[in-house]
């Protein structure tokens, strides 16, 4: 994923968390129309929903206690605490923003790969069911017509 998309995802998540206004988000991302920002908000919500579906074990405890938005805030606070604790090192402040950007890019790539994996598993299940149905039809045809079709 390129840097612009990663920056847009970061800004949209800040809008969803209430840290940033819509107008500020439009300025920061250089998006000209609010409809585009709404599209990106839907994309972020879909990514979060895919994460939630694929990682039910990870989110299970947090979802029982909090909403998804609060879970995102908790994750962001954990990231912020890591950034603050590493501020004791000289030069770490400059690297923290770069690391945060890399983390966001990697998280978005991970969610995309998880989504693709989910699609592959769905297709695998479909193909397995089709193979099973064909085996049943072959068994029925062999039994009905007393012919050996599969010589295994």
Protein backbone atom coordinates (compact mmCIF):
# COMPACT_ATOMS: atom_id res chain seq x y z
CA UNK A 1 0.00 0.00 0.00
CA UNK A 2 1.40 3.40 -0.86
CA UNK A 3 2.13 6.15 1.64
CA UNK A 4 -0.82 8.34 0.62
CA UNK A 5 -3.34 5.59 1.33
CA UNK A 6 -1.67 4.84 4.64
CA UNK A 7 -1.82 8.51 5.60
CA UNK A 8 -5.50 8.69 4.60
CA UNK A 9 -6.25 5.60 6.71
CA UNK A 10 -4.43 7.14 9.68
CA UNK A 11 -6.29 10.43 9.37
CA UNK A 12 -9.66 8.70 8.94
CA UNK A 13 -9.05 6.63 12.07
CA UNK A 14 -8.27 9.84 13.94
CA UNK A 15 -11.57 11.29 12.68
CA UNK A 16 -13.43 8.19 13.86
CA UNK A 17 -11.76 8.47 17.26
CA UNK A 18 -12.76 12.12 17.51
CA UNK A 19 -9.21 13.42 17.60
CA UNK A 20 -9.56 15.29 14.33
CA UNK A 21 -12.37 17.25 12.68
CA UNK A 22 -13.61 16.45 9.19
CA UNK A 23 -12.38 19.77 7.83
CA UNK A 24 -8.90 19.20 9.25
CA UNK A 25 -8.89 15.70 7.79
CA UNK A 26 -9.80 17.10 4.36
CA UNK A 27 -6.91 19.55 4.59
CA UNK A 28 -4.37 17.01 5.81
CA UNK A 29 -5.22 14.40 3.20
CA UNK A 30 -5.78 16.93 0.40
CA UNK A 31 -9.13 15.34 -0.34
CA UNK A 32 -11.38 17.82 -2.13
CA UNK A 33 -14.80 16.31 -1.44
CA UNK A 34 -16.45 15.02 1.73
CA UNK A 35 -17.92 12.11 -0.21
CA UNK A 36 -14.41 10.75 -0.75
CA UNK A 37 -13.73 11.03 2.97
CA UNK A 38 -16.99 9.19 3.67
CA UNK A 39 -15.81 6.45 1.31
CA UNK A 40 -12.55 6.15 3.25
CA UNK A 41 -14.48 6.03 6.53
CA UNK A 42 -16.46 3.08 5.14
CA UNK A 43 -13.20 1.43 4.06
CA UNK A 44 -11.72 1.80 7.55
CA UNK A 45 -14.90 0.43 9.12
CA UNK A 46 -14.81 -2.53 6.71
CA UNK A 47 -11.15 -3.17 7.55
CA UNK A 48 -11.99 -3.09 11.24
CA UNK A 49 -14.95 -5.41 10.67
CA UNK A 50 -12.75 -7.87 8.75
CA UNK A 51 -10.21 -7.71 11.57
CA UNK A 52 -12.96 -8.36 14.06
CA UNK A 53 -14.31 -11.33 12.07
CA UNK A 54 -10.91 -12.88 11.48
CA UNK A 55 -9.52 -12.29 14.95
CA UNK A 56 -12.49 -13.06 17.18
CA UNK A 57 -10.16 -14.53 19.77
CA UNK A 58 -8.10 -11.35 19.86
CA UNK A 59 -11.04 -8.99 20.07
CA UNK A 60 -13.32 -11.24 22.12
CA UNK A 61 -12.34 -9.87 25.53
CA UNK A 62 -12.26 -6.24 24.38
CA UNK A 63 -15.61 -6.43 22.57
CA UNK A 64 -17.30 -7.79 25.67
CA UNK A 65 -16.14 -4.73 27.60
CA UNK A 66 -15.95 -2.01 24.95
CA UNK A 67 -17.22 -0.98 21.55
CA UNK A 68 -14.99 -1.36 18.50
CA UNK A 69 -14.18 2.36 18.59
CA UNK A 70 -13.01 2.03 22.16
CA UNK A 71 -10.90 -1.01 21.18
CA UNK A 72 -9.23 1.12 18.52
CA UNK A 73 -8.63 3.82 21.14
CA UNK A 74 -7.08 1.22 23.45
CA UNK A 75 -4.78 0.03 20.65
CA UNK A 76 -3.86 3.65 19.90
CA UNK A 77 -3.15 4.32 23.58
CA UNK A 78 -0.88 1.28 23.70
CA UNK A 79 0.96 2.67 20.67
CA UNK A 80 1.10 6.14 22.25
CA UNK A 81 2.45 4.71 25.52
CA UNK A 82 5.17 2.88 23.60
CA UNK A 83 6.05 6.12 21.82
CA UNK A 84 6.12 8.09 25.09
CA UNK A 85 8.25 5.51 26.88
CA UNK A 86 10.77 5.51 24.06
CA UNK A 87 11.08 9.31 24.18
CA UNK A 88 13.76 8.92 26.83
CA UNK A 89 16.22 7.96 24.10
CA UNK A 90 17.69 10.82 22.08
CA UNK A 91 16.58 10.76 18.48
CA UNK A 92 13.75 8.35 19.21
CA UNK A 93 11.11 11.01 18.66
CA UNK A 94 11.96 11.31 14.96
CA UNK A 95 11.89 7.55 14.51
CA UNK A 96 8.58 7.15 16.36
CA UNK A 97 6.53 8.88 13.69
CA UNK A 98 8.22 6.80 11.00
CA UNK A 99 7.60 3.64 13.00
CA UNK A 100 3.97 4.59 13.55
CA UNK A 101 3.54 5.08 9.80
CA UNK A 102 5.18 1.72 9.11
CA UNK A 103 2.93 0.04 11.67
CA UNK A 104 -0.16 1.50 10.03
CA UNK A 105 1.00 0.38 6.59
CA UNK A 106 1.76 -3.11 7.88
CA UNK A 107 -1.59 -3.32 9.68
CA UNK A 108 -3.47 -2.38 6.54
CA UNK A 109 -1.46 -4.90 4.50
CA UNK A 110 -2.17 -7.55 7.14
CA UNK A 111 -5.91 -6.90 7.02
CA UNK A 112 -5.85 -7.08 3.22
CA UNK A 113 -3.99 -10.41 3.37
CA UNK A 114 -6.42 -11.73 5.98
CA UNK A 115 -9.33 -10.74 3.75
CA UNK A 116 -7.74 -12.54 0.79
CA UNK A 117 -7.06 -15.59 2.97
CA UNK A 118 -10.72 -15.61 4.03
CA UNK A 119 -11.75 -15.53 0.35
CA UNK A 120 -9.38 -18.41 -0.46
CA UNK A 121 -10.78 -20.47 2.40
CA UNK A 122 -14.32 -19.79 1.17
CA UNK A 123 -13.38 -20.93 -2.35
CA UNK A 124 -11.63 -23.99 -0.91
CA UNK A 125 -14.82 -24.91 0.94
CA UNK A 126 -16.88 -24.43 -2.21
CA UNK A 127 -14.56 -26.65 -4.24
CA UNK A 128 -14.46 -29.30 -1.52
CA UNK A 129 -18.25 -29.39 -1.46
CA UNK A 130 -18.37 -29.72 -5.24
CA UNK A 131 -15.90 -32.61 -5.16
CA UNK A 132 -17.92 -34.35 -2.47
CA UNK A 133 -21.12 -33.91 -4.49
CA UNK A 134 -19.43 -35.35 -7.59
CA UNK A 135 -18.21 -38.36 -5.60
CA UNK A 136 -21.75 -38.96 -4.38
CA UNK A 137 -23.08 -38.76 -7.94
CA UNK A 138 -20.42 -41.17 -9.16
CA UNK A 139 -21.20 -43.62 -6.36
CA UNK A 140 -24.89 -43.41 -7.20
CA UNK A 141 -24.22 -43.94 -10.92
CA UNK A 142 -21.96 -46.94 -10.19
CA UNK A 143 -24.57 -48.49 -7.90
CA UNK A 144 -27.50 -47.80 -10.28
CA UNK A 145 -25.89 -48.91 -13.55
CA UNK A 146 -23.52 -51.50 -12.07
CA UNK A 147 -20.59 -49.83 -13.83
CA UNK A 148 -17.23 -49.00 -12.31
CA UNK A 149 -16.44 -45.38 -13.12
CA UNK A 150 -13.66 -44.72 -10.61
CA UNK A 151 -11.02 -47.44 -10.56
CA UNK A 152 -9.18 -46.37 -7.45
